[in-house]
Amino acid sequence: MHAFSIEFIELVVYEMTNTATRKKCFFYWTLLLVTFILLVSKSHTPLVYAVEVQNNPFYGLSDAEIHSFEAATEDKSINVRLEHSPKIFKNDNTEFFRISLFHNENQQRALHTDCDLIISKNGKELFKASNDFSQPFIHTASGIFLSSYEFRDLGNYTITIKIMGINYLPVVTKQVNFTATIANSSNENMINVAS
């Protein structure tokens, strides 16, 4: 067994010094590096994501003031807290949202919730948070989820929070609507949200 181990090590050392083997290794490592560079250059998502995290006050990296509004679903069983920031932003800047869901009876978090955030204008859906994940809804174990949207035009928007399941069980869809008005003031846009 000892002799086999020494022979094996000698074979590996010989192969490593073999010019043909080194050329193969160099070729495969180069191919791997080029493939990695192509994948990174085709996808700008990591860079965009890094910028959003940097400016997102809900990650604690921004000192922007957070504004909060609450409303209950139609059946009064779930309270929805919608928080957003910033209030004043330049055109095409990102507006960040944090949605928190609570049981109305005891104000405890609604855990393992299937939900979604939808932004529409004049009845036309512009954004659905679950589409970012190619899923029919967002599952949140903690009853909290984050989202973001770029308001590109002035006017009135509807922000809808839908709840389709609670504690792994499907429920008749419950929803809350908030209104958001984007107005222009001194070359900056201002958002006003109401429940």
N, C-alpha and C. Protein backbone atom coordinates (compact mmCIF):
# COMPACT_ATOMS: atom_id res chain seq x y z
N MET A 1 0.83 -1.20 0.00
CA MET A 1 0.00 0.00 0.00
C MET A 1 0.87 1.26 0.00
N HIS A 2 1.97 1.19 0.78
CA HIS A 2 2.88 2.33 0.86
C HIS A 2 3.53 2.57 -0.49
N ALA A 3 3.93 1.50 -1.16
CA ALA A 3 4.58 1.62 -2.46
C ALA A 3 3.59 2.19 -3.49
N PHE A 4 2.33 1.80 -3.40
CA PHE A 4 1.31 2.33 -4.32
C PHE A 4 1.17 3.83 -4.15
N SER A 5 1.14 4.32 -2.91
CA SER A 5 1.00 5.75 -2.64
C SER A 5 2.16 6.54 -3.21
N ILE A 6 3.37 6.02 -3.09
CA ILE A 6 4.55 6.71 -3.61
C ILE A 6 4.50 6.73 -5.13
N GLU A 7 4.12 5.61 -5.74
CA GLU A 7 4.00 5.56 -7.20
C GLU A 7 2.95 6.55 -7.70
N PHE A 8 1.84 6.64 -6.99
CA PHE A 8 0.77 7.56 -7.38
C PHE A 8 1.26 9.01 -7.32
N ILE A 9 1.96 9.36 -6.24
CA ILE A 9 2.48 10.73 -6.09
C ILE A 9 3.48 11.03 -7.19
N GLU A 10 4.36 10.07 -7.50
CA GLU A 10 5.34 10.27 -8.57
C GLU A 10 4.63 10.50 -9.90
N LEU A 11 3.56 9.75 -10.16
CA LEU A 11 2.80 9.90 -11.40
C LEU A 11 2.17 11.30 -11.50
N VAL A 12 1.59 11.78 -10.40
CA VAL A 12 0.98 13.11 -10.37
C VAL A 12 2.02 14.18 -10.63
N VAL A 13 3.19 14.07 -9.98
CA VAL A 13 4.26 15.04 -10.18
C VAL A 13 4.73 15.03 -11.63
N TYR A 14 4.87 13.84 -12.21
CA TYR A 14 5.28 13.73 -13.61
C TYR A 14 4.26 14.40 -14.53
N GLU A 15 2.98 14.15 -14.28
CA GLU A 15 1.93 14.73 -15.11
C GLU A 15 1.90 16.25 -15.00
N MET A 16 2.15 16.75 -13.81
CA MET A 16 2.14 18.21 -13.60
C MET A 16 3.28 18.88 -14.35
N THR A 17 4.40 18.16 -14.47
CA THR A 17 5.54 18.75 -15.18
C THR A 17 5.47 18.50 -16.67
N ASN A 18 4.59 17.64 -17.08
CA ASN A 18 4.42 17.32 -18.49
C ASN A 18 3.87 18.57 -19.21
N THR A 19 4.52 18.98 -20.27
CA THR A 19 4.14 20.19 -21.00
C THR A 19 2.73 20.10 -21.55
N ALA A 20 2.34 18.95 -22.07
CA ALA A 20 1.00 18.80 -22.64
C ALA A 20 -0.06 18.98 -21.57
N THR A 21 0.17 18.44 -20.39
CA THR A 21 -0.81 18.57 -19.30
C THR A 21 -0.93 20.02 -18.86
N ARG A 22 0.22 20.72 -18.79
CA ARG A 22 0.16 22.12 -18.39
C ARG A 22 -0.61 22.95 -19.41
N LYS A 23 -0.45 22.63 -20.69
CA LYS A 23 -1.19 23.35 -21.73
C LYS A 23 -2.69 23.10 -21.60
N LYS A 24 -3.06 21.85 -21.31
CA LYS A 24 -4.48 21.54 -21.12
C LYS A 24 -5.04 22.32 -19.93
N CYS A 25 -4.31 22.31 -18.82
CA CYS A 25 -4.78 23.04 -17.63
C CYS A 25 -4.93 24.53 -17.93
N PHE A 26 -3.94 25.09 -18.61
CA PHE A 26 -4.00 26.50 -18.95
C PHE A 26 -5.22 26.78 -19.84
N PHE A 27 -5.46 25.92 -20.82
CA PHE A 27 -6.60 26.08 -21.71
C PHE A 27 -7.92 26.06 -20.93
N TYR A 28 -8.10 25.08 -20.03
CA TYR A 28 -9.36 24.96 -19.29
C TYR A 28 -9.56 26.13 -18.32
N TRP A 29 -8.49 26.57 -17.67
CA TRP A 29 -8.62 27.72 -16.76
C TRP A 29 -8.94 28.99 -17.54
N THR A 30 -8.34 29.15 -18.71
CA THR A 30 -8.64 30.31 -19.54
C THR A 30 -10.09 30.28 -20.00
N LEU A 31 -10.54 29.12 -20.43
CA LEU A 31 -11.93 28.97 -20.86
C LEU A 31 -12.90 29.29 -19.72
N LEU A 32 -12.58 28.81 -18.53
CA LEU A 32 -13.42 29.09 -17.36
C LEU A 32 -13.45 30.58 -17.05
N LEU A 33 -12.31 31.24 -17.10
CA LEU A 33 -12.24 32.68 -16.82
C LEU A 33 -13.02 33.49 -17.86
N VAL A 34 -12.86 33.16 -19.13
CA VAL A 34 -13.59 33.87 -20.19
C VAL A 34 -15.10 33.67 -20.03
N THR A 35 -15.53 32.46 -19.72
CA THR A 35 -16.96 32.20 -19.50
C THR A 35 -17.49 33.03 -18.34
N PHE A 36 -16.74 33.11 -17.26
CA PHE A 36 -17.15 33.90 -16.10
C PHE A 36 -17.27 35.38 -16.47
N ILE A 37 -16.30 35.90 -17.18
CA ILE A 37 -16.33 37.32 -17.57
C ILE A 37 -17.52 37.61 -18.47
N LEU A 38 -17.81 36.71 -19.41
CA LEU A 38 -18.97 36.90 -20.29
C LEU A 38 -20.27 36.88 -19.51
N LEU A 39 -20.39 35.99 -18.56
CA LEU A 39 -21.62 35.92 -17.76
C LEU A 39 -21.81 37.18 -16.94
N VAL A 40 -20.74 37.68 -16.34
CA VAL A 40 -20.84 38.89 -15.52
C VAL A 40 -21.14 40.10 -16.40
N SER A 41 -20.52 40.19 -17.57
CA SER A 41 -20.74 41.36 -18.42
C SER A 41 -22.14 41.38 -19.01
N LYS A 42 -22.78 40.24 -19.23
CA LYS A 42 -24.13 40.20 -19.79
C LYS A 42 -25.18 40.53 -18.75
N SER A 43 -24.88 40.34 -17.50
CA SER A 43 -25.85 40.58 -16.44
C SER A 43 -25.44 41.79 -15.63
N HIS A 44 -26.23 42.87 -15.73
CA HIS A 44 -25.96 44.06 -14.94
C HIS A 44 -26.70 44.03 -13.61
N THR A 45 -27.41 42.96 -13.32
CA THR A 45 -28.21 42.88 -12.11
C THR A 45 -27.39 43.08 -10.84
N PRO A 46 -26.19 42.44 -10.69
CA PRO A 46 -25.45 42.65 -9.45
C PRO A 46 -25.12 44.11 -9.20
N LEU A 47 -24.74 44.87 -10.24
CA LEU A 47 -24.41 46.27 -10.08
C LEU A 47 -25.65 47.06 -9.69
N VAL A 48 -26.77 46.85 -10.39
CA VAL A 48 -28.01 47.54 -10.06
C VAL A 48 -28.43 47.20 -8.64
N TYR A 49 -28.33 45.92 -8.28
CA TYR A 49 -28.72 45.49 -6.94
C TYR A 49 -27.85 46.17 -5.89
N ALA A 50 -26.55 46.28 -6.16
CA ALA A 50 -25.64 46.92 -5.20
C ALA A 50 -26.01 48.39 -5.00
N VAL A 51 -26.36 49.09 -6.09
CA VAL A 51 -26.76 50.49 -5.98
C VAL A 51 -28.05 50.60 -5.17
N GLU A 52 -29.02 49.71 -5.42
CA GLU A 52 -30.28 49.76 -4.68
C GLU A 52 -30.06 49.49 -3.20
N VAL A 53 -29.20 48.55 -2.87
CA VAL A 53 -28.92 48.26 -1.46
C VAL A 53 -28.27 49.47 -0.81
N GLN A 54 -27.35 50.11 -1.52
CA GLN A 54 -26.64 51.26 -0.97
C GLN A 54 -27.60 52.40 -0.64
N ASN A 55 -28.60 52.64 -1.48
CA ASN A 55 -29.53 53.75 -1.28
C ASN A 55 -30.77 53.38 -0.48
N ASN A 56 -30.92 52.11 -0.14
CA ASN A 56 -32.14 51.63 0.51
C ASN A 56 -32.10 51.90 2.01
N PRO A 57 -32.99 52.74 2.52
CA PRO A 57 -32.97 53.05 3.96
C PRO A 57 -33.37 51.86 4.82
N PHE A 58 -34.01 50.85 4.24
CA PHE A 58 -34.44 49.69 5.02
C PHE A 58 -33.31 48.71 5.26
N TYR A 59 -32.17 48.92 4.62
CA TYR A 59 -30.97 48.14 4.91
C TYR A 59 -30.05 48.89 5.86
N GLY A 60 -30.44 50.11 6.26
CA GLY A 60 -29.65 50.87 7.21
C GLY A 60 -28.46 51.58 6.59
N LEU A 61 -28.40 51.68 5.27
CA LEU A 61 -27.27 52.31 4.62
C LEU A 61 -27.57 53.74 4.18
N SER A 62 -28.79 54.17 4.39
CA SER A 62 -29.19 55.52 4.00
C SER A 62 -29.83 56.19 5.20
N ASP A 63 -29.65 57.50 5.29
CA ASP A 63 -30.26 58.23 6.41
C ASP A 63 -31.57 58.91 6.00
N ALA A 64 -32.13 58.50 4.86
CA ALA A 64 -33.39 59.10 4.38
C ALA A 64 -34.52 58.80 5.36
N GLU A 65 -35.39 59.78 5.54
CA GLU A 65 -36.53 59.61 6.45
C GLU A 65 -37.52 58.60 5.87
N ILE A 66 -38.06 57.77 6.76
CA ILE A 66 -39.02 56.73 6.36
C ILE A 66 -40.42 57.18 6.75
N HIS A 67 -41.35 57.09 5.81
CA HIS A 67 -42.74 57.49 6.06
C HIS A 67 -43.61 56.25 6.13
N SER A 68 -44.57 56.25 7.04
CA SER A 68 -45.34 55.03 7.31
C SER A 68 -46.84 55.30 7.29
N PHE A 69 -47.58 54.33 6.71
CA PHE A 69 -49.04 54.40 6.65
C PHE A 69 -49.60 53.01 6.94
N GLU A 70 -50.76 52.95 7.58
CA GLU A 70 -51.38 51.66 7.88
C GLU A 70 -52.83 51.65 7.42
N ALA A 71 -53.27 50.46 7.03
CA ALA A 71 -54.67 50.25 6.65
C ALA A 71 -54.98 48.78 6.88
N ALA A 72 -56.27 48.49 7.05
CA ALA A 72 -56.71 47.11 7.28
C ALA A 72 -57.34 46.56 6.01
N THR A 73 -57.27 45.25 5.87
CA THR A 73 -57.94 44.59 4.75
C THR A 73 -59.45 44.78 4.88
N GLU A 74 -60.20 44.45 3.79
CA GLU A 74 -61.65 44.67 3.80
C GLU A 74 -62.34 43.94 4.95
N ASP A 75 -61.85 42.74 5.28
CA ASP A 75 -62.48 41.97 6.37
C ASP A 75 -61.90 42.31 7.74
N LYS A 76 -61.00 43.28 7.80
CA LYS A 76 -60.39 43.78 9.05
C LYS A 76 -59.54 42.74 9.76
N SER A 77 -59.14 41.66 9.08
CA SER A 77 -58.37 40.62 9.76
C SER A 77 -56.87 40.90 9.76
N ILE A 78 -56.37 41.62 8.75
CA ILE A 78 -54.93 41.89 8.64
C ILE A 78 -54.71 43.40 8.51
N ASN A 79 -53.78 43.90 9.32
CA ASN A 79 -53.33 45.28 9.18
C ASN A 79 -52.07 45.29 8.32
N VAL A 80 -52.02 46.21 7.39
CA VAL A 80 -50.87 46.33 6.49
C VAL A 80 -50.20 47.67 6.78
N ARG A 81 -48.90 47.60 7.08
CA ARG A 81 -48.13 48.83 7.25
C ARG A 81 -47.26 48.99 6.01
N LEU A 82 -47.44 50.09 5.30
CA LEU A 82 -46.64 50.42 4.12
C LEU A 82 -45.69 51.54 4.50
N GLU A 83 -44.40 51.28 4.41
CA GLU A 83 -43.39 52.31 4.68
C GLU A 83 -42.67 52.60 3.37
N HIS A 84 -42.30 53.85 3.16
CA HIS A 84 -41.60 54.21 1.92
C HIS A 84 -40.58 55.31 2.18
N SER A 85 -39.63 55.38 1.27
CA SER A 85 -38.60 56.41 1.34
C SER A 85 -37.87 56.43 -0.01
N PRO A 86 -37.41 57.56 -0.47
CA PRO A 86 -37.49 58.91 0.09
C PRO A 86 -38.79 59.60 -0.31
N LYS A 87 -39.07 60.72 0.31
CA LYS A 87 -40.27 61.49 -0.02
C LYS A 87 -40.01 62.38 -1.24
N ILE A 88 -38.81 62.90 -1.36
CA ILE A 88 -38.44 63.75 -2.49
C ILE A 88 -37.32 63.05 -3.25
N PHE A 89 -37.46 62.98 -4.58
CA PHE A 89 -36.48 62.26 -5.38
C PHE A 89 -36.40 62.86 -6.77
N LYS A 90 -35.30 62.62 -7.43
CA LYS A 90 -35.11 63.05 -8.82
C LYS A 90 -35.86 62.09 -9.74
N ASN A 91 -36.07 62.51 -11.00
CA ASN A 91 -36.72 61.64 -11.98
C ASN A 91 -35.98 60.32 -12.09
N ASP A 92 -36.73 59.24 -12.21
CA ASP A 92 -36.20 57.89 -12.39
C ASP A 92 -35.39 57.38 -11.20
N ASN A 93 -35.45 58.05 -10.06
CA ASN A 93 -34.84 57.48 -8.86
C ASN A 93 -35.76 56.43 -8.28
N THR A 94 -35.20 55.54 -7.52
CA THR A 94 -35.96 54.43 -6.97
C THR A 94 -36.66 54.83 -5.68
N GLU A 95 -37.92 54.43 -5.56
CA GLU A 95 -38.68 54.58 -4.31
C GLU A 95 -38.68 53.21 -3.64
N PHE A 96 -38.30 53.17 -2.38
CA PHE A 96 -38.18 51.91 -1.66
C PHE A 96 -39.39 51.70 -0.75
N PHE A 97 -39.84 50.46 -0.66
CA PHE A 97 -41.01 50.10 0.15
C PHE A 97 -40.67 48.96 1.11
N ARG A 98 -41.27 49.03 2.28
CA ARG A 98 -41.26 47.89 3.21
C ARG A 98 -42.70 47.65 3.62
N ILE A 99 -43.15 46.42 3.46
CA ILE A 99 -44.52 46.06 3.80
C ILE A 99 -44.47 45.12 4.99
N SER A 100 -45.24 45.44 6.03
CA SER A 100 -45.32 44.60 7.23
C SER A 100 -46.78 44.22 7.44
N LEU A 101 -47.01 42.94 7.74
CA LEU A 101 -48.36 42.41 7.89
C LEU A 101 -48.59 41.94 9.32
N PHE A 102 -49.73 42.34 9.90
CA PHE A 102 -50.05 42.01 11.29
C PHE A 102 -51.47 41.48 11.38
N HIS A 103 -51.70 40.53 12.31
CA HIS A 103 -53.07 40.10 12.61
C HIS A 103 -53.73 41.23 13.39
N ASN A 104 -54.92 41.62 12.98
CA ASN A 104 -55.61 42.75 13.60
C ASN A 104 -55.99 42.45 15.05
N GLU A 105 -56.35 41.21 15.35
CA GLU A 105 -56.85 40.88 16.70
C GLU A 105 -55.79 41.00 17.79
N ASN A 106 -54.52 40.68 17.48
CA ASN A 106 -53.50 40.71 18.53
C ASN A 106 -52.24 41.48 18.14
N GLN A 107 -52.22 42.07 16.95
CA GLN A 107 -51.09 42.84 16.42
C GLN A 107 -49.79 42.04 16.32
N GLN A 108 -49.90 40.71 16.29
CA GLN A 108 -48.71 39.88 16.03
C GLN A 108 -48.51 39.78 14.53
N ARG A 109 -47.28 39.56 14.13
CA ARG A 109 -46.98 39.46 12.71
C ARG A 109 -47.69 38.28 12.07
N ALA A 110 -48.16 38.49 10.86
CA ALA A 110 -48.77 37.41 10.07
C ALA A 110 -47.63 36.64 9.41
N LEU A 111 -47.27 35.51 9.98
CA LEU A 111 -46.10 34.75 9.53
C LEU A 111 -46.43 33.87 8.34
N HIS A 112 -45.40 33.53 7.59
CA HIS A 112 -45.50 32.67 6.40
C HIS A 112 -46.68 33.10 5.52
N THR A 113 -46.56 34.33 5.05
CA THR A 113 -47.62 34.95 4.26
C THR A 113 -47.26 34.94 2.78
N ASP A 114 -48.23 34.61 1.94
CA ASP A 114 -48.09 34.73 0.49
C ASP A 114 -48.77 36.03 0.08
N CYS A 115 -48.02 36.93 -0.49
CA CYS A 115 -48.55 38.27 -0.76
C CYS A 115 -47.89 38.87 -1.99
N ASP A 116 -48.30 40.08 -2.32
CA ASP A 116 -47.73 40.77 -3.47
C ASP A 116 -47.96 42.26 -3.32
N LEU A 117 -47.13 43.04 -4.02
CA LEU A 117 -47.28 44.49 -4.10
C LEU A 117 -47.46 44.82 -5.58
N ILE A 118 -48.53 45.54 -5.89
CA ILE A 118 -48.85 45.89 -7.27
C ILE A 118 -49.01 47.41 -7.36
N ILE A 119 -48.38 48.01 -8.35
CA ILE A 119 -48.51 49.45 -8.58
C ILE A 119 -49.20 49.64 -9.93
N SER A 120 -50.26 50.45 -9.91
CA SER A 120 -51.02 50.69 -11.13
C SER A 120 -51.33 52.18 -11.26
N LYS A 121 -51.65 52.57 -12.50
CA LYS A 121 -52.03 53.96 -12.77
C LYS A 121 -53.16 53.92 -13.78
N ASN A 122 -54.24 54.61 -13.45
CA ASN A 122 -55.44 54.64 -14.31
C ASN A 122 -55.92 53.23 -14.65
N GLY A 123 -55.86 52.33 -13.68
CA GLY A 123 -56.35 50.97 -13.87
C GLY A 123 -55.39 50.05 -14.60
N LYS A 124 -54.23 50.54 -15.04
CA LYS A 124 -53.25 49.73 -15.77
C LYS A 124 -52.12 49.32 -14.84
N GLU A 125 -51.89 48.01 -14.75
CA GLU A 125 -50.82 47.50 -13.88
C GLU A 125 -49.46 47.85 -14.48
N LEU A 126 -48.62 48.51 -13.67
CA LEU A 126 -47.29 48.91 -14.12
C LEU A 126 -46.19 48.03 -13.52
N PHE A 127 -46.45 47.51 -12.33
CA PHE A 127 -45.42 46.77 -11.60
C PHE A 127 -46.07 45.75 -10.69
N LYS A 128 -45.49 44.57 -10.64
CA LYS A 128 -45.93 43.52 -9.72
C LYS A 128 -44.67 42.92 -9.12
N ALA A 129 -44.49 43.03 -7.82
CA ALA A 129 -43.25 42.63 -7.16
C ALA A 129 -42.90 41.17 -7.41
N SER A 130 -43.90 40.29 -7.45
CA SER A 130 -43.62 38.87 -7.63
C SER A 130 -43.03 38.56 -9.00
N ASN A 131 -43.26 39.43 -9.99
CA ASN A 131 -42.68 39.21 -11.32
C ASN A 131 -41.16 39.25 -11.29
N ASP A 132 -40.58 39.99 -10.32
CA ASP A 132 -39.13 40.04 -10.19
C ASP A 132 -38.55 38.67 -9.86
N PHE A 133 -39.37 37.79 -9.28
CA PHE A 133 -38.93 36.46 -8.89
C PHE A 133 -39.54 35.38 -9.78
N SER A 134 -40.28 35.79 -10.80
CA SER A 134 -40.98 34.85 -11.70
C SER A 134 -41.84 33.87 -10.91
N GLN A 135 -42.54 34.40 -9.93
CA GLN A 135 -43.42 33.60 -9.07
C GLN A 135 -44.81 34.22 -9.06
N PRO A 136 -45.84 33.44 -8.69
CA PRO A 136 -47.20 34.01 -8.64
C PRO A 136 -47.41 34.91 -7.43
N PHE A 137 -46.55 34.80 -6.42
CA PHE A 137 -46.64 35.64 -5.21
C PHE A 137 -45.29 35.64 -4.52
N ILE A 138 -45.17 36.47 -3.50
CA ILE A 138 -43.97 36.51 -2.66
C ILE A 138 -44.30 35.82 -1.35
N HIS A 139 -43.47 34.89 -0.93
CA HIS A 139 -43.66 34.25 0.37
C HIS A 139 -42.72 34.92 1.36
N THR A 140 -43.29 35.41 2.46
CA THR A 140 -42.48 36.01 3.51
C THR A 140 -42.69 35.24 4.80
N ALA A 141 -41.62 34.67 5.32
CA ALA A 141 -41.70 33.91 6.58
C ALA A 141 -41.96 34.84 7.76
N SER A 142 -41.42 36.06 7.70
CA SER A 142 -41.49 36.99 8.83
C SER A 142 -42.68 37.94 8.79
N GLY A 143 -43.43 37.95 7.69
CA GLY A 143 -44.51 38.93 7.56
C GLY A 143 -44.03 40.29 7.11
N ILE A 144 -42.78 40.36 6.61
CA ILE A 144 -42.20 41.61 6.12
C ILE A 144 -41.56 41.34 4.77
N PHE A 145 -41.78 42.23 3.80
CA PHE A 145 -41.00 42.13 2.56
C PHE A 145 -40.69 43.50 2.02
N LEU A 146 -39.60 43.56 1.26
CA LEU A 146 -39.11 44.81 0.68
C LEU A 146 -39.32 44.80 -0.82
N SER A 147 -39.54 45.98 -1.36
CA SER A 147 -39.67 46.11 -2.81
C SER A 147 -39.25 47.53 -3.19
N SER A 148 -39.16 47.77 -4.49
CA SER A 148 -38.80 49.12 -4.95
C SER A 148 -39.41 49.34 -6.33
N TYR A 149 -39.57 50.61 -6.67
CA TYR A 149 -40.16 50.97 -7.96
C TYR A 149 -39.67 52.36 -8.36
N GLU A 150 -39.48 52.57 -9.67
CA GLU A 150 -39.13 53.88 -10.20
C GLU A 150 -40.37 54.55 -10.76
N PHE A 151 -40.84 55.60 -10.10
CA PHE A 151 -41.97 56.37 -10.63
C PHE A 151 -41.43 57.29 -11.71
N ARG A 152 -41.84 57.06 -12.96
CA ARG A 152 -41.28 57.80 -14.09
C ARG A 152 -42.14 59.00 -14.49
N ASP A 153 -43.42 58.99 -14.09
CA ASP A 153 -44.33 60.06 -14.52
C ASP A 153 -45.05 60.65 -13.31
N LEU A 154 -45.46 61.89 -13.46
CA LEU A 154 -46.27 62.55 -12.44
C LEU A 154 -47.68 61.97 -12.50
N GLY A 155 -48.44 62.12 -11.42
CA GLY A 155 -49.83 61.68 -11.43
C GLY A 155 -50.17 60.83 -10.23
N ASN A 156 -51.36 60.22 -10.30
CA ASN A 156 -51.89 59.41 -9.20
C ASN A 156 -51.70 57.92 -9.49
N TYR A 157 -51.22 57.22 -8.51
CA TYR A 157 -50.97 55.79 -8.60
C TYR A 157 -51.72 55.08 -7.49
N THR A 158 -51.99 53.80 -7.71
CA THR A 158 -52.57 52.95 -6.66
C THR A 158 -51.54 51.90 -6.30
N ILE A 159 -51.26 51.78 -5.02
CA ILE A 159 -50.36 50.75 -4.50
C ILE A 159 -51.23 49.72 -3.79
N THR A 160 -51.29 48.52 -4.32
CA THR A 160 -52.15 47.47 -3.78
C THR A 160 -51.29 46.39 -3.14
N ILE A 161 -51.65 46.03 -1.92
CA ILE A 161 -51.02 44.90 -1.24
C ILE A 161 -52.05 43.79 -1.20
N LYS A 162 -51.72 42.63 -1.81
CA LYS A 162 -52.63 41.48 -1.82
C LYS A 162 -52.07 40.39 -0.95
N ILE A 163 -52.96 39.70 -0.24
CA ILE A 163 -52.58 38.58 0.63
C ILE A 163 -53.36 37.36 0.16
N MET A 164 -52.63 36.30 -0.23
CA MET A 164 -53.26 35.09 -0.77
C MET A 164 -53.11 33.87 0.13
N GLY A 165 -52.28 33.97 1.15
CA GLY A 165 -52.08 32.83 2.04
C GLY A 165 -51.47 33.29 3.35
N ILE A 166 -51.84 32.61 4.44
CA ILE A 166 -51.30 32.93 5.76
C ILE A 166 -50.95 31.61 6.45
N ASN A 167 -49.75 31.57 7.01
CA ASN A 167 -49.27 30.40 7.74
C ASN A 167 -49.38 29.13 6.89
N TYR A 168 -48.92 29.22 5.67
CA TYR A 168 -48.89 28.14 4.67
C TYR A 168 -50.27 27.73 4.15
N LEU A 169 -51.32 28.39 4.58
CA LEU A 169 -52.67 28.03 4.13
C LEU A 169 -53.20 29.09 3.17
N PRO A 170 -53.78 28.67 2.04
CA PRO A 170 -54.37 29.65 1.13
C PRO A 170 -55.61 30.29 1.77
N VAL A 171 -55.81 31.56 1.49
CA VAL A 171 -56.98 32.28 1.99
C VAL A 171 -57.64 32.98 0.81
N VAL A 172 -58.90 33.34 0.98
CA VAL A 172 -59.56 34.18 -0.02
C VAL A 172 -58.75 35.48 -0.07
N THR A 173 -58.38 35.92 -1.27
CA THR A 173 -57.49 37.07 -1.42
C THR A 173 -58.02 38.29 -0.67
N LYS A 174 -57.14 38.84 0.16
CA LYS A 174 -57.44 40.07 0.90
C LYS A 174 -56.54 41.16 0.33
N GLN A 175 -57.00 42.39 0.35
CA GLN A 175 -56.14 43.44 -0.18
C GLN A 175 -56.36 44.76 0.51
N VAL A 176 -55.35 45.61 0.38
CA VAL A 176 -55.38 46.98 0.87
C VAL A 176 -54.87 47.86 -0.25
N ASN A 177 -55.53 48.99 -0.47
CA ASN A 177 -55.10 49.94 -1.49
C ASN A 177 -54.61 51.22 -0.82
N PHE A 178 -53.47 51.69 -1.28
CA PHE A 178 -52.94 53.00 -0.88
C PHE A 178 -52.88 53.84 -2.15
N THR A 179 -53.03 55.16 -1.99
CA THR A 179 -52.89 56.04 -3.14
C THR A 179 -51.57 56.79 -3.01
N ALA A 180 -50.90 56.97 -4.14
CA ALA A 180 -49.64 57.72 -4.17
C ALA A 180 -49.76 58.79 -5.24
N THR A 181 -49.47 60.01 -4.89
CA THR A 181 -49.48 61.11 -5.84
C THR A 181 -48.06 61.60 -6.04
N ILE A 182 -47.62 61.60 -7.28
CA ILE A 182 -46.29 62.10 -7.61
C ILE A 182 -46.46 63.49 -8.21
N ALA A 183 -45.88 64.49 -7.55
CA ALA A 183 -45.99 65.88 -7.99
C ALA A 183 -44.59 66.45 -8.15
N ASN A 184 -44.47 67.48 -8.98
CA ASN A 184 -43.17 68.09 -9.23
C ASN A 184 -43.03 69.35 -8.41
N SER A 185 -41.83 69.51 -7.81
CA SER A 185 -41.56 70.70 -7.03
C SER A 185 -40.08 71.04 -7.16
N SER A 186 -39.76 72.14 -7.78
CA SER A 186 -38.38 72.61 -7.92
C SER A 186 -37.47 71.57 -8.56
N ASN A 187 -37.89 71.05 -9.71
CA ASN A 187 -37.11 70.05 -10.47
C ASN A 187 -36.89 68.73 -9.72
N GLU A 188 -37.67 68.53 -8.69
CA GLU A 188 -37.64 67.25 -7.98
C GLU A 188 -39.07 66.75 -7.84
N ASN A 189 -39.21 65.44 -7.75
CA ASN A 189 -40.54 64.86 -7.57
C ASN A 189 -40.77 64.58 -6.10
N MET A 190 -42.03 64.71 -5.70
CA MET A 190 -42.42 64.43 -4.33
C MET A 190 -43.52 63.40 -4.34
N ILE A 191 -43.44 62.42 -3.44
CA ILE A 191 -44.48 61.41 -3.34
C ILE A 191 -45.29 61.64 -2.08
N ASN A 192 -46.61 61.60 -2.23
CA ASN A 192 -47.52 61.68 -1.09
C ASN A 192 -48.38 60.42 -1.10
N VAL A 193 -48.30 59.64 -0.03
CA VAL A 193 -49.04 58.39 0.06
C VAL A 193 -50.13 58.56 1.09
N ALA A 194 -51.29 57.97 0.83
CA ALA A 194 -52.40 57.98 1.79
C ALA A 194 -53.07 56.63 1.75
N SER A 195 -53.68 56.26 2.88
CA SER A 195 -54.38 54.96 2.94
C SER A 195 -55.86 55.17 2.66
